[in-house]
């Protein structure tokens, strides 16, 4: 996956998305293209060009979407308008040989020896990087949940803001609709000079999330209808 940039938005995948990083978790084939199509479906490119006319959009007005294939976040998802991190949460076995390979592999000290030899997991420290799963020589440590960590509203500039992470992991198949929904919320509340993180801070995360899900439902219904029409 290569970076895709236009005058109105940027999609920035990390090197792991194209298989160039040993820490990367697999991303679905065509994932960047599906996000690109979702941005177009939201109407954002046309909207921002019209809002900035007669001049072209400036660099800081581009909507930035960062995609990372591991918790290292080399594409800087924490300071993007929307940040996505592919993740795997481990299912800790009730019993195992107690070799400690998973504990040694965890860079965040989220695993510790349990009283019965099996590891215990500190969920508050786990970043769902999947390293413990890959390190287990017996296959006892398995994947409990996989998907994307989803964060919104990060930015740099005069008043920097770290993105707010939503709870849970999101199925990558649902991400295009989510991205389109968040962009449509931004369009509805847009003002010149306003960044997406500013809008989230002003309206509140829960309100923006509720509105984005309404737009997401419309996006899903529209896509379903168009797919049905093309199949016919």
Foldseek 3Di string as FASTA:
>chain_A
DCWDDDLAAIEAEDPVQVPPDPLFDYDDPCLVVLLVVLCVVLVRVVLQCVVPPPDGRDPQNHQYEYEYRFPVRPSCCFQGQKYKYWFFDKDFAPDDPLPCQLCVQDPQNQWDQDPRSTIDGNVVRDPRSCRSCVRDPVNRIDTPDTAIFMWHQAHDDPDGDTTDTDDDHDHSVLVSLLSSLLVNLCSVVDDPPDDSNNVCVVVPVVVSNVSSVVSSVVVVVVVVVVVVVVVD
